[in-house]
Amino acid sequence: MTTHQATRRLFTTALLATSAGLFGLSMPAHAADTVLLNASYDVARELFKDINPLFVADWKKSTGETVNVNQSHGGSSKQARSVADGMEAAVVTMNQANDIDMLAERGLVVQDWAKKFPHNAAPFYSTMVFLVRKGNPQQIKDWGDLAKPGVKVIIPNPKTAGNGRYTYLAAWGSVLKKGGNEAQARELVTKIFKNVPVLDAGGRGATTTFTQRSIGDVLVTFENEVNLVRAEFGDNFEVVYPSLSILAESPVAVVDKVVDRRNLRKQATGYLNFLYTEQAQDVIAKHYFRPRSEAAFKKYKANFHQISLFTVDDVFGGWKAAQKKHFDDGAEFDRIYQSK
């Protein structure tokens, strides 16, 4: 089976599966085997499905120990809350720092988690782009087009899904980066969310709504996700890159409270370090996530459209400030959506 065929099969399976819960589990472990649980976000299913066996083989070769890696996927913020509520994840691989900061505030992760691995503990990143139906009948080209009357926009819930938050912030930030003010940014985002017919809990649920349920004119999601859809459905959809977008890092952390209790620190740290190896970075780029490795990025350069990116830090003062202003209960998003 080719990599392309495997990707298509995995993606189809994921679309038919539930948006949250365990996906792509390793084979049942023997009693003596070590088991790690990776709590991750919705649209990283296929990526870790391919990375995990490579890590297992590498760890076995270098240490002689057999390790099994299980996965759990859902909306990033929803997954973080599950870990806070007792999910026994040894590692978290999220799509926004805010979710790991919450775990640090709860005492499950060390406060300086972002300094434990390179690139602020984010081994890869992505950005938010548009997926439209063949021919782009609504002529959607940039963020402002999402606010046009009659356009149906599919976005996951910013309260539970990282890509929902990135989409919200990308639209808001696009106004500010082009010289607009806060009132104009609020007006654009308000109009966009008035065009959202349904808010799915996670990114994969939103993809299913758009591709399988045929709801909406445009899906806004991660760059890797739109390319998975293209690989599966071919010419039924087209990818549109806006004039600028947001840099969406995928941070990782060891869940210290869990690994110390279960004596898994060495294995959990090894797993996250493995994500920075050339072997893993190659897989990351192959799955349309943007790698940190220059060699991998160069090898798969055709996968990545050149686009101007801004950061949460640059425009919003960091995730904590963005959370407080936009996503806390009663903050901007709640007021915008309640006025819908």
C-alpha atoms as a PDB file:
ATOM      1  CA  MET A   1       0.000   0.000   0.000  1.00  0.00           C
ATOM      2  CA  THR A   2       1.354   3.440  -0.885  1.00  0.00           C
ATOM      3  CA  THR A   3       1.634   6.291   1.615  1.00  0.00           C
ATOM      4  CA  HIS A   4      -1.088   8.139  -0.305  1.00  0.00           C
ATOM      5  CA  GLN A   5      -3.435   5.141  -0.119  1.00  0.00           C
ATOM      6  CA  ALA A   6      -2.699   4.695   3.570  1.00  0.00           C
ATOM      7  CA  THR A   7      -3.460   8.348   4.231  1.00  0.00           C
ATOM      8  CA  ARG A   8      -6.750   8.079   2.387  1.00  0.00           C
ATOM      9  CA  ARG A   9      -7.762   4.967   4.306  1.00  0.00           C
ATOM     10  CA  LEU A  10      -6.833   6.507   7.654  1.00  0.00           C
ATOM     11  CA  PHE A  11      -8.669   9.722   6.878  1.00  0.00           C
ATOM     12  CA  THR A  12     -11.806   7.920   5.762  1.00  0.00           C
ATOM     13  CA  THR A  13     -11.750   5.826   8.932  1.00  0.00           C
ATOM     14  CA  ALA A  14     -11.335   8.939  11.054  1.00  0.00           C
ATOM     15  CA  LEU A  15     -14.258  10.669   9.360  1.00  0.00           C
ATOM     16  CA  LEU A  16     -16.475   7.741  10.226  1.00  0.00           C
ATOM     17  CA  ALA A  17     -15.191   7.593  13.793  1.00  0.00           C
ATOM     18  CA  THR A  18     -16.294   9.851  16.602  1.00  0.00           C
ATOM     19  CA  SER A  19     -14.509  13.172  16.942  1.00  0.00           C
ATOM     20  CA  ALA A  20     -13.137  12.349  20.382  1.00  0.00           C
ATOM     21  CA  GLY A  21     -11.819   9.320  22.192  1.00  0.00           C
ATOM     22  CA  LEU A  22      -9.168   6.736  21.530  1.00  0.00           C
ATOM     23  CA  PHE A  23      -8.032   6.350  17.939  1.00  0.00           C
ATOM     24  CA  GLY A  24      -5.306   4.290  16.326  1.00  0.00           C
ATOM     25  CA  LEU A  25      -4.352   2.331  19.394  1.00  0.00           C
ATOM     26  CA  SER A  26      -1.252   0.190  19.429  1.00  0.00           C
ATOM     27  CA  MET A  27      -1.626  -3.536  19.570  1.00  0.00           C
ATOM     28  CA  PRO A  28      -2.538  -4.744  23.076  1.00  0.00           C
ATOM     29  CA  ALA A  29       0.503  -4.574  25.318  1.00  0.00           C
ATOM     30  CA  HIS A  30       1.864  -7.548  27.185  1.00  0.00           C
ATOM     31  CA  ALA A  31       1.823  -7.221  30.936  1.00  0.00           C
ATOM     32  CA  ALA A  32       5.531  -6.364  31.045  1.00  0.00           C
ATOM     33  CA  ASP A  33       5.363  -3.738  28.286  1.00  0.00           C
ATOM     34  CA  THR A  34       5.438  -0.011  28.990  1.00  0.00           C
ATOM     35  CA  VAL A  35       2.418   1.950  27.754  1.00  0.00           C
ATOM     36  CA  LEU A  36       2.333   5.685  27.048  1.00  0.00           C
ATOM     37  CA  LEU A  37      -0.858   7.610  26.341  1.00  0.00           C
ATOM     38  CA  ASN A  38      -0.567  10.655  24.078  1.00  0.00           C
ATOM     39  CA  ALA A  39      -3.500  13.055  24.523  1.00  0.00           C
ATOM     40  CA  SER A  40      -3.623  15.084  21.335  1.00  0.00           C
ATOM     41  CA  TYR A  41      -5.880  17.272  19.240  1.00  0.00           C
ATOM     42  CA  ASP A  42      -8.415  16.242  16.683  1.00  0.00           C
ATOM     43  CA  VAL A  43      -6.663  16.611  13.338  1.00  0.00           C
ATOM     44  CA  ALA A  44      -3.319  15.109  14.392  1.00  0.00           C
ATOM     45  CA  ARG A  45      -4.687  11.543  14.330  1.00  0.00           C
ATOM     46  CA  GLU A  46      -3.024  10.398  11.128  1.00  0.00           C
ATOM     47  CA  LEU A  47       0.279  12.069  11.971  1.00  0.00           C
ATOM     48  CA  PHE A  48       0.803  10.232  15.245  1.00  0.00           C
ATOM     49  CA  LYS A  49      -0.566   7.027  13.761  1.00  0.00           C
ATOM     50  CA  ASP A  50       2.506   7.096  11.505  1.00  0.00           C
ATOM     51  CA  ILE A  51       5.012   8.452  14.034  1.00  0.00           C
ATOM     52  CA  ASN A  52       4.255   6.073  16.893  1.00  0.00           C
ATOM     53  CA  PRO A  53       5.564   2.829  15.333  1.00  0.00           C
ATOM     54  CA  LEU A  54       8.757   4.628  14.307  1.00  0.00           C
ATOM     55  CA  PHE A  55       9.326   5.733  17.891  1.00  0.00           C
ATOM     56  CA  VAL A  56       8.533   2.249  19.212  1.00  0.00           C
ATOM     57  CA  ALA A  57      11.142   0.715  16.891  1.00  0.00           C
ATOM     58  CA  ASP A  58      13.728   3.400  17.669  1.00  0.00           C
ATOM     59  CA  TRP A  59      13.226   3.078  21.428  1.00  0.00           C
ATOM     60  CA  LYS A  60      13.473  -0.708  21.259  1.00  0.00           C
ATOM     61  CA  LYS A  61      16.702  -0.474  19.267  1.00  0.00           C
ATOM     62  CA  SER A  62      18.344   2.083  21.563  1.00  0.00           C
ATOM     63  CA  THR A  63      17.146   0.824  24.965  1.00  0.00           C
ATOM     64  CA  GLY A  64      15.935  -2.739  24.477  1.00  0.00           C
ATOM     65  CA  GLU A  65      12.612  -1.800  26.068  1.00  0.00           C
ATOM     66  CA  THR A  66       9.254  -2.452  24.414  1.00  0.00           C
ATOM     67  CA  VAL A  67       6.998   0.588  24.567  1.00  0.00           C
ATOM     68  CA  ASN A  68       3.432   0.850  23.294  1.00  0.00           C
ATOM     69  CA  VAL A  69       1.936   4.243  22.472  1.00  0.00           C
ATOM     70  CA  ASN A  70      -1.810   4.808  22.604  1.00  0.00           C
ATOM     71  CA  GLN A  71      -3.557   7.903  21.285  1.00  0.00           C
ATOM     72  CA  SER A  72      -6.540   9.953  22.422  1.00  0.00           C
ATOM     73  CA  HIS A  73      -7.903  12.702  20.183  1.00  0.00           C
ATOM     74  CA  GLY A  74     -10.485  15.462  20.450  1.00  0.00           C
ATOM     75  CA  GLY A  75     -10.713  19.224  20.499  1.00  0.00           C
ATOM     76  CA  SER A  76      -7.473  20.543  22.012  1.00  0.00           C
ATOM     77  CA  SER A  77      -9.071  22.396  24.930  1.00  0.00           C
ATOM     78  CA  LYS A  78     -11.453  19.521  25.548  1.00  0.00           C
ATOM     79  CA  GLN A  79      -8.508  17.121  25.682  1.00  0.00           C
ATOM     80  CA  ALA A  80      -6.647  19.366  28.116  1.00  0.00           C
ATOM     81  CA  ARG A  81      -9.671  19.411  30.401  1.00  0.00           C
ATOM     82  CA  SER A  82      -9.868  15.612  30.207  1.00  0.00           C
ATOM     83  CA  VAL A  83      -6.246  15.365  31.354  1.00  0.00           C
ATOM     84  CA  ALA A  84      -6.973  17.826  34.154  1.00  0.00           C
ATOM     85  CA  ASP A  85      -9.946  15.675  35.145  1.00  0.00           C
ATOM     86  CA  GLY A  86      -7.902  12.487  35.370  1.00  0.00           C
ATOM     87  CA  MET A  87      -7.041  11.107  31.932  1.00  0.00           C
ATOM     88  CA  GLU A  88      -3.748   9.256  32.510  1.00  0.00           C
ATOM     89  CA  ALA A  89      -1.828  10.834  29.620  1.00  0.00           C
ATOM     90  CA  ALA A  90       1.955  10.680  29.888  1.00  0.00           C
ATOM     91  CA  VAL A  91       2.329  13.383  27.241  1.00  0.00           C
ATOM     92  CA  VAL A  92       0.142  16.035  25.670  1.00  0.00           C
ATOM     93  CA  THR A  93       0.600  17.207  22.079  1.00  0.00           C
ATOM     94  CA  MET A  94      -1.711  20.182  21.664  1.00  0.00           C
ATOM     95  CA  ASN A  95      -2.253  22.961  19.140  1.00  0.00           C
ATOM     96  CA  GLN A  96      -2.108  25.920  21.490  1.00  0.00           C
ATOM     97  CA  ALA A  97       0.059  26.828  24.459  1.00  0.00           C
ATOM     98  CA  ASN A  98      -2.938  27.979  26.452  1.00  0.00           C
ATOM     99  CA  ASP A  99      -4.126  24.408  26.955  1.00  0.00           C
ATOM    100  CA  ILE A 100      -0.800  23.324  28.432  1.00  0.00           C
ATOM    101  CA  ASP A 101      -0.638  26.476  30.558  1.00  0.00           C
ATOM    102  CA  MET A 102      -3.942  25.403  32.101  1.00  0.00           C
ATOM    103  CA  LEU A 103      -2.420  22.031  33.016  1.00  0.00           C
ATOM    104  CA  ALA A 104       0.558  23.851  34.538  1.00  0.00           C
ATOM    105  CA  GLU A 105      -1.810  25.963  36.632  1.00  0.00           C
ATOM    106  CA  ARG A 106      -3.414  22.732  37.873  1.00  0.00           C
ATOM    107  CA  GLY A 107      -0.015  21.348  38.877  1.00  0.00           C
ATOM    108  CA  LEU A 108       0.058  18.525  36.313  1.00  0.00           C
ATOM    109  CA  VAL A 109       2.787  20.104  34.156  1.00  0.00           C
ATOM    110  CA  VAL A 110       5.785  22.171  35.256  1.00  0.00           C
ATOM    111  CA  GLN A 111       5.464  25.945  34.902  1.00  0.00           C
ATOM    112  CA  ASP A 112       8.445  26.229  32.536  1.00  0.00           C
ATOM    113  CA  TRP A 113       7.267  23.434  30.238  1.00  0.00           C
ATOM    114  CA  ALA A 114       7.946  25.541  27.115  1.00  0.00           C
ATOM    115  CA  LYS A 115      11.672  25.556  27.939  1.00  0.00           C
ATOM    116  CA  LYS A 116      11.978  21.772  28.154  1.00  0.00           C
ATOM    117  CA  PHE A 117      12.153  21.196  24.381  1.00  0.00           C
ATOM    118  CA  PRO A 118      13.375  23.252  21.389  1.00  0.00           C
ATOM    119  CA  HIS A 119      11.334  25.966  19.661  1.00  0.00           C
ATOM    120  CA  ASN A 120       9.240  26.709  22.748  1.00  0.00           C
ATOM    121  CA  ALA A 121       8.397  23.004  22.936  1.00  0.00           C
ATOM    122  CA  ALA A 122       6.654  23.128  19.542  1.00  0.00           C
ATOM    123  CA  PRO A 123       8.228  20.593  17.125  1.00  0.00           C
ATOM    124  CA  PHE A 124       6.022  21.729  14.226  1.00  0.00           C
ATOM    125  CA  TYR A 125       3.437  24.327  13.280  1.00  0.00           C
ATOM    126  CA  SER A 126       0.674  25.077  10.805  1.00  0.00           C
ATOM    127  CA  THR A 127      -1.642  27.897   9.773  1.00  0.00           C
ATOM    128  CA  MET A 128      -5.313  28.470   9.028  1.00  0.00           C
ATOM    129  CA  VAL A 129      -6.526  28.274   5.419  1.00  0.00           C
ATOM    130  CA  PHE A 130      -9.801  27.836   3.536  1.00  0.00           C
ATOM    131  CA  LEU A 131     -11.297  24.784   1.857  1.00  0.00           C
ATOM    132  CA  VAL A 132     -14.027  25.585  -0.661  1.00  0.00           C
ATOM    133  CA  ARG A 133     -16.136  23.525  -3.003  1.00  0.00           C
ATOM    134  CA  LYS A 134     -15.063  22.941  -6.594  1.00  0.00           C
ATOM    135  CA  GLY A 135     -15.076  26.145  -8.610  1.00  0.00           C
ATOM    136  CA  ASN A 136     -15.241  28.291  -5.458  1.00  0.00           C
ATOM    137  CA  PRO A 137     -18.833  29.367  -6.243  1.00  0.00           C
ATOM    138  CA  GLN A 138     -18.864  32.017  -3.496  1.00  0.00           C
ATOM    139  CA  GLN A 139     -15.512  33.455  -4.700  1.00  0.00           C
ATOM    140  CA  ILE A 140     -13.960  33.284  -1.246  1.00  0.00           C
ATOM    141  CA  LYS A 141     -10.432  34.682  -1.341  1.00  0.00           C
ATOM    142  CA  ASP A 142      -9.744  36.389   1.986  1.00  0.00           C
ATOM    143  CA  TRP A 143     -11.016  36.804   5.536  1.00  0.00           C
ATOM    144  CA  GLY A 144     -13.477  39.537   4.609  1.00  0.00           C
ATOM    145  CA  ASP A 145     -15.251  37.188   2.208  1.00  0.00           C
ATOM    146  CA  LEU A 146     -16.287  34.960   5.118  1.00  0.00           C
ATOM    147  CA  ALA A 147     -18.517  37.799   6.341  1.00  0.00           C
ATOM    148  CA  LYS A 148     -20.460  38.211   3.088  1.00  0.00           C
ATOM    149  CA  PRO A 149     -24.234  37.701   3.407  1.00  0.00           C
ATOM    150  CA  GLY A 150     -25.313  34.205   2.456  1.00  0.00           C
ATOM    151  CA  VAL A 151     -21.900  32.549   2.896  1.00  0.00           C
ATOM    152  CA  LYS A 152     -22.020  29.549   5.228  1.00  0.00           C
ATOM    153  CA  VAL A 153     -18.770  29.135   7.165  1.00  0.00           C
ATOM    154  CA  ILE A 154     -17.781  25.935   8.977  1.00  0.00           C
ATOM    155  CA  ILE A 155     -15.578  26.541  12.028  1.00  0.00           C
ATOM    156  CA  PRO A 156     -15.212  24.375  15.157  1.00  0.00           C
ATOM    157  CA  ASN A 157     -16.153  25.834  18.521  1.00  0.00           C
ATOM    158  CA  PRO A 158     -13.432  28.195  19.809  1.00  0.00           C
ATOM    159  CA  LYS A 159     -14.360  27.195  23.366  1.00  0.00           C
ATOM    160  CA  THR A 160     -13.313  23.575  22.792  1.00  0.00           C
ATOM    161  CA  ALA A 161     -11.134  23.431  19.663  1.00  0.00           C
ATOM    162  CA  GLY A 162      -7.758  25.020  19.087  1.00  0.00           C
ATOM    163  CA  ASN A 163      -8.367  25.547  15.397  1.00  0.00           C
ATOM    164  CA  GLY A 164     -11.601  27.334  16.274  1.00  0.00           C
ATOM    165  CA  ARG A 165      -9.594  29.749  18.398  1.00  0.00           C
ATOM    166  CA  TYR A 166      -6.902  30.165  15.769  1.00  0.00           C
ATOM    167  CA  THR A 167      -9.565  30.909  13.153  1.00  0.00           C
ATOM    168  CA  TYR A 168     -11.198  33.511  15.375  1.00  0.00           C
ATOM    169  CA  LEU A 169      -7.843  35.147  16.154  1.00  0.00           C
ATOM    170  CA  ALA A 170      -6.692  34.960  12.527  1.00  0.00           C
ATOM    171  CA  ALA A 171      -9.790  36.813  11.353  1.00  0.00           C
ATOM    172  CA  TRP A 172      -9.513  39.398  14.138  1.00  0.00           C
ATOM    173  CA  GLY A 173      -5.781  39.848  13.596  1.00  0.00           C
ATOM    174  CA  SER A 174      -6.153  40.201   9.830  1.00  0.00           C
ATOM    175  CA  VAL A 175      -8.007  43.461  10.410  1.00  0.00           C
ATOM    176  CA  LEU A 176      -5.439  44.814  12.857  1.00  0.00           C
ATOM    177  CA  LYS A 177      -2.468  43.827  10.675  1.00  0.00           C
ATOM    178  CA  LYS A 178      -3.976  45.745   7.763  1.00  0.00           C
ATOM    179  CA  GLY A 179      -4.349  48.929   9.801  1.00  0.00           C
ATOM    180  CA  GLY A 180      -7.854  48.446  11.159  1.00  0.00           C
ATOM    181  CA  ASN A 181      -8.955  48.992  14.740  1.00  0.00           C
ATOM    182  CA  GLU A 182     -10.508  46.783  17.411  1.00  0.00           C
ATOM    183  CA  ALA A 183     -14.055  47.853  16.570  1.00  0.00           C
ATOM    184  CA  GLN A 184     -13.558  46.903  12.925  1.00  0.00           C
ATOM    185  CA  ALA A 185     -12.032  43.559  13.922  1.00  0.00           C
ATOM    186  CA  ARG A 186     -14.984  42.847  16.213  1.00  0.00           C
ATOM    187  CA  GLU A 187     -17.409  43.725  13.428  1.00  0.00           C
ATOM    188  CA  LEU A 188     -15.745  41.316  10.988  1.00  0.00           C
ATOM    189  CA  VAL A 189     -15.628  38.425  13.451  1.00  0.00           C
ATOM    190  CA  THR A 190     -19.245  39.052  14.481  1.00  0.00           C
ATOM    191  CA  LYS A 191     -20.374  38.858  10.856  1.00  0.00           C
ATOM    192  CA  ILE A 192     -18.341  35.699  10.270  1.00  0.00           C
ATOM    193  CA  PHE A 193     -19.867  33.862  13.219  1.00  0.00           C
ATOM    194  CA  LYS A 194     -23.352  34.924  12.153  1.00  0.00           C
ATOM    195  CA  ASN A 195     -22.568  32.887   9.030  1.00  0.00           C
ATOM    196  CA  VAL A 196     -21.667  29.751  11.023  1.00  0.00           C
ATOM    197  CA  PRO A 197     -24.604  27.279  10.902  1.00  0.00           C
ATOM    198  CA  VAL A 198     -23.147  24.767  13.378  1.00  0.00           C
ATOM    199  CA  LEU A 199     -20.249  24.721  15.850  1.00  0.00           C
ATOM    200  CA  ASP A 200     -18.661  21.275  16.104  1.00  0.00           C
ATOM    201  CA  ALA A 201     -16.648  20.443  19.220  1.00  0.00           C
ATOM    202  CA  GLY A 202     -13.483  19.550  17.301  1.00  0.00           C
ATOM    203  CA  GLY A 203     -11.718  20.121  14.014  1.00  0.00           C
ATOM    204  CA  ARG A 204     -12.393  16.668  12.595  1.00  0.00           C
ATOM    205  CA  GLY A 205     -16.081  17.030  13.372  1.00  0.00           C
ATOM    206  CA  ALA A 206     -16.101  20.289  11.419  1.00  0.00           C
ATOM    207  CA  THR A 207     -14.391  18.562   8.497  1.00  0.00           C
ATOM    208  CA  THR A 208     -17.051  15.847   8.561  1.00  0.00           C
ATOM    209  CA  THR A 209     -19.808  18.461   8.594  1.00  0.00           C
ATOM    210  CA  PHE A 210     -18.334  20.118   5.507  1.00  0.00           C
ATOM    211  CA  THR A 211     -17.269  17.091   3.489  1.00  0.00           C
ATOM    212  CA  GLN A 212     -19.689  14.331   4.497  1.00  0.00           C
ATOM    213  CA  ARG A 213     -22.798  16.276   5.476  1.00  0.00           C
ATOM    214  CA  SER A 214     -22.286  18.823   2.668  1.00  0.00           C
ATOM    215  CA  ILE A 215     -23.002  21.768   4.957  1.00  0.00           C
ATOM    216  CA  GLY A 216     -21.304  25.095   4.289  1.00  0.00           C
ATOM    217  CA  ASP A 217     -19.516  26.947   1.519  1.00  0.00           C
ATOM    218  CA  VAL A 218     -16.110  27.108   3.202  1.00  0.00           C
ATOM    219  CA  LEU A 219     -14.278  25.190   5.910  1.00  0.00           C
ATOM    220  CA  VAL A 220     -11.612  27.079   7.855  1.00  0.00           C
ATOM    221  CA  THR A 221      -9.064  24.719   9.365  1.00  0.00           C
ATOM    222  CA  PHE A 222      -5.403  23.790   9.571  1.00  0.00           C
ATOM    223  CA  GLU A 223      -3.313  23.597   6.418  1.00  0.00           C
ATOM    224  CA  ASN A 224      -2.616  19.904   6.970  1.00  0.00           C
ATOM    225  CA  GLU A 225      -6.316  19.086   7.269  1.00  0.00           C
ATOM    226  CA  VAL A 226      -7.304  20.685   3.973  1.00  0.00           C
ATOM    227  CA  ASN A 227      -4.592  18.719   2.217  1.00  0.00           C
ATOM    228  CA  LEU A 228      -5.840  15.469   3.749  1.00  0.00           C
ATOM    229  CA  VAL A 229      -9.271  16.292   2.365  1.00  0.00           C
ATOM    230  CA  ARG A 230      -7.770  16.965  -1.059  1.00  0.00           C
ATOM    231  CA  ALA A 231      -5.946  13.631  -0.925  1.00  0.00           C
ATOM    232  CA  GLU A 232      -9.191  11.847  -0.099  1.00  0.00           C
ATOM    233  CA  PHE A 233     -11.717  13.688  -2.247  1.00  0.00           C
ATOM    234  CA  GLY A 234      -9.572  15.036  -5.069  1.00  0.00           C
ATOM    235  CA  ASP A 235     -11.123  17.674  -7.290  1.00  0.00           C
ATOM    236  CA  ASN A 236     -14.329  18.050  -5.257  1.00  0.00           C
ATOM    237  CA  PHE A 237     -12.652  20.765  -3.199  1.00  0.00           C
ATOM    238  CA  GLU A 238     -10.121  23.561  -3.635  1.00  0.00           C
ATOM    239  CA  VAL A 239      -7.664  25.104  -1.173  1.00  0.00           C
ATOM    240  CA  VAL A 240      -7.621  28.892  -0.840  1.00  0.00           C
ATOM    241  CA  TYR A 241      -4.864  30.737   0.995  1.00  0.00           C
ATOM    242  CA  PRO A 242      -5.862  34.114   2.478  1.00  0.00           C
ATOM    243  CA  SER A 243      -3.566  37.117   2.096  1.00  0.00           C
ATOM    244  CA  LEU A 244      -2.215  36.532   5.596  1.00  0.00           C
ATOM    245  CA  SER A 245      -2.916  34.169   8.465  1.00  0.00           C
ATOM    246  CA  ILE A 246      -1.806  33.148  11.923  1.00  0.00           C
ATOM    247  CA  LEU A 247       1.132  30.977  12.940  1.00  0.00           C
ATOM    248  CA  ALA A 248      -0.354  27.982  14.742  1.00  0.00           C
ATOM    249  CA  GLU A 249       2.265  26.187  16.817  1.00  0.00           C
ATOM    250  CA  SER A 250       1.738  22.660  18.142  1.00  0.00           C
ATOM    251  CA  PRO A 251       3.301  22.594  21.624  1.00  0.00           C
ATOM    252  CA  VAL A 252       4.083  19.441  23.562  1.00  0.00           C
ATOM    253  CA  ALA A 253       4.716  18.607  27.205  1.00  0.00           C
ATOM    254  CA  VAL A 254       5.328  15.766  29.597  1.00  0.00           C
ATOM    255  CA  VAL A 255       2.504  15.400  32.121  1.00  0.00           C
ATOM    256  CA  ASP A 256       4.826  15.432  35.110  1.00  0.00           C
ATOM    257  CA  LYS A 257       2.306  14.354  37.712  1.00  0.00           C
ATOM    258  CA  VAL A 258       1.428  11.231  35.705  1.00  0.00           C
ATOM    259  CA  VAL A 259       4.928  10.194  34.626  1.00  0.00           C
ATOM    260  CA  ASP A 260       6.360  10.585  38.120  1.00  0.00           C
ATOM    261  CA  ARG A 261       3.591   8.502  39.643  1.00  0.00           C
ATOM    262  CA  ARG A 262       3.928   5.795  36.969  1.00  0.00           C
ATOM    263  CA  ASN A 263       7.711   5.985  36.541  1.00  0.00           C
ATOM    264  CA  LEU A 264       7.447   6.937  32.862  1.00  0.00           C
ATOM    265  CA  ARG A 265       9.537  10.113  32.701  1.00  0.00           C
ATOM    266  CA  LYS A 266      12.363   8.604  30.656  1.00  0.00           C
ATOM    267  CA  GLN A 267      10.019   7.129  28.057  1.00  0.00           C
ATOM    268  CA  ALA A 268       7.747  10.179  27.857  1.00  0.00           C
ATOM    269  CA  THR A 269      10.692  12.536  27.438  1.00  0.00           C
ATOM    270  CA  GLY A 270      12.175  10.224  24.820  1.00  0.00           C
ATOM    271  CA  TYR A 271       8.902  10.222  22.903  1.00  0.00           C
ATOM    272  CA  LEU A 272       8.733  14.010  22.719  1.00  0.00           C
ATOM    273  CA  ASN A 273      12.423  14.298  21.862  1.00  0.00           C
ATOM    274  CA  PHE A 274      11.823  11.848  19.023  1.00  0.00           C
ATOM    275  CA  LEU A 275       9.451  14.351  17.400  1.00  0.00           C
ATOM    276  CA  TYR A 276      12.480  16.566  16.680  1.00  0.00           C
ATOM    277  CA  THR A 277      14.490  13.844  14.931  1.00  0.00           C
ATOM    278  CA  GLU A 278      14.916  13.973  11.165  1.00  0.00           C
ATOM    279  CA  GLN A 279      12.946  10.745  10.870  1.00  0.00           C
ATOM    280  CA  ALA A 280       9.917  12.223  12.632  1.00  0.00           C
ATOM    281  CA  GLN A 281      10.291  15.636  10.995  1.00  0.00           C
ATOM    282  CA  ASP A 282      10.136  13.950   7.599  1.00  0.00           C
ATOM    283  CA  VAL A 283       6.821  12.317   8.547  1.00  0.00           C
ATOM    284  CA  ILE A 284       5.551  15.630   9.928  1.00  0.00           C
ATOM    285  CA  ALA A 285       6.252  17.404   6.634  1.00  0.00           C
ATOM    286  CA  LYS A 286       4.782  14.528   4.644  1.00  0.00           C
ATOM    287  CA  HIS A 287       1.535  15.075   6.560  1.00  0.00           C
ATOM    288  CA  TYR A 288       1.515  18.764   5.585  1.00  0.00           C
ATOM    289  CA  PHE A 289       2.504  20.066   9.012  1.00  0.00           C
ATOM    290  CA  ARG A 290       5.337  22.593   8.797  1.00  0.00           C
ATOM    291  CA  PRO A 291       8.482  21.036  10.311  1.00  0.00           C
ATOM    292  CA  ARG A 292      11.252  22.763  12.244  1.00  0.00           C
ATOM    293  CA  SER A 293      13.891  20.827  10.315  1.00  0.00           C
ATOM    294  CA  GLU A 294      15.237  22.867   7.414  1.00  0.00           C
ATOM    295  CA  ALA A 295      16.052  19.671   5.533  1.00  0.00           C
ATOM    296  CA  ALA A 296      12.515  18.321   5.872  1.00  0.00           C
ATOM    297  CA  PHE A 297      10.970  21.668   4.944  1.00  0.00           C
ATOM    298  CA  LYS A 298      13.164  21.895   1.854  1.00  0.00           C
ATOM    299  CA  LYS A 299      12.357  18.316   0.841  1.00  0.00           C
ATOM    300  CA  TYR A 300       8.599  18.945   1.046  1.00  0.00           C
ATOM    301  CA  LYS A 301       8.634  22.615   0.087  1.00  0.00           C
ATOM    302  CA  ALA A 302       5.947  22.031  -2.525  1.00  0.00           C
ATOM    303  CA  ASN A 303       3.537  21.150   0.303  1.00  0.00           C
ATOM    304  CA  PHE A 304       3.707  24.632   1.788  1.00  0.00           C
ATOM    305  CA  HIS A 305       2.345  27.743   0.129  1.00  0.00           C
ATOM    306  CA  GLN A 306       4.246  30.918   0.951  1.00  0.00           C
ATOM    307  CA  ILE A 307       2.062  33.085   3.177  1.00  0.00           C
ATOM    308  CA  SER A 308       2.577  35.978   5.581  1.00  0.00           C
ATOM    309  CA  LEU A 309       2.043  34.803   9.167  1.00  0.00           C
ATOM    310  CA  PHE A 310       1.547  36.733  12.387  1.00  0.00           C
ATOM    311  CA  THR A 311       1.720  35.326  15.918  1.00  0.00           C
ATOM    312  CA  VAL A 312      -0.562  35.365  18.933  1.00  0.00           C
ATOM    313  CA  ASP A 313       2.212  37.115  20.860  1.00  0.00           C
ATOM    314  CA  ASP A 314       2.623  39.867  18.263  1.00  0.00           C
ATOM    315  CA  VAL A 315      -1.038  40.785  17.880  1.00  0.00           C
ATOM    316  CA  PHE A 316      -2.708  39.674  21.103  1.00  0.00           C
ATOM    317  CA  GLY A 317       0.057  39.841  23.706  1.00  0.00           C
ATOM    318  CA  GLY A 318       0.256  36.075  24.165  1.00  0.00           C
ATOM    319  CA  TRP A 319      -2.203  33.280  24.845  1.00  0.00           C
ATOM    320  CA  LYS A 320      -3.046  34.300  28.407  1.00  0.00           C
ATOM    321  CA  ALA A 321      -4.090  37.766  27.286  1.00  0.00           C
ATOM    322  CA  ALA A 322      -5.997  36.352  24.296  1.00  0.00           C
ATOM    323  CA  GLN A 323      -7.787  33.853  26.518  1.00  0.00           C
ATOM    324  CA  LYS A 324      -8.866  36.488  29.021  1.00  0.00           C
ATOM    325  CA  LYS A 325     -10.086  38.990  26.443  1.00  0.00           C
ATOM    326  CA  HIS A 326     -11.644  36.649  23.920  1.00  0.00           C
ATOM    327  CA  PHE A 327     -12.415  33.170  25.261  1.00  0.00           C
ATOM    328  CA  ASP A 328     -13.071  33.293  29.004  1.00  0.00           C
ATOM    329  CA  ASP A 329     -16.705  32.936  30.016  1.00  0.00           C
ATOM    330  CA  GLY A 330     -18.455  36.202  29.229  1.00  0.00           C
ATOM    331  CA  ALA A 331     -15.576  37.510  27.093  1.00  0.00           C
ATOM    332  CA  GLU A 332     -15.634  38.673  23.461  1.00  0.00           C
ATOM    333  CA  PHE A 333     -16.513  35.357  21.832  1.00  0.00           C
ATOM    334  CA  ASP A 334     -19.436  34.683  24.154  1.00  0.00           C
ATOM    335  CA  ARG A 335     -20.823  38.165  23.548  1.00  0.00           C
ATOM    336  CA  ILE A 336     -20.382  37.808  19.799  1.00  0.00           C
ATOM    337  CA  TYR A 337     -21.991  34.384  19.570  1.00  0.00           C
ATOM    338  CA  GLN A 338     -24.862  35.223  21.906  1.00  0.00           C
ATOM    339  CA  SER A 339     -25.739  38.180  19.691  1.00  0.00           C
ATOM    340  CA  LYS A 340     -25.997  35.894  16.655  1.00  0.00           C
END
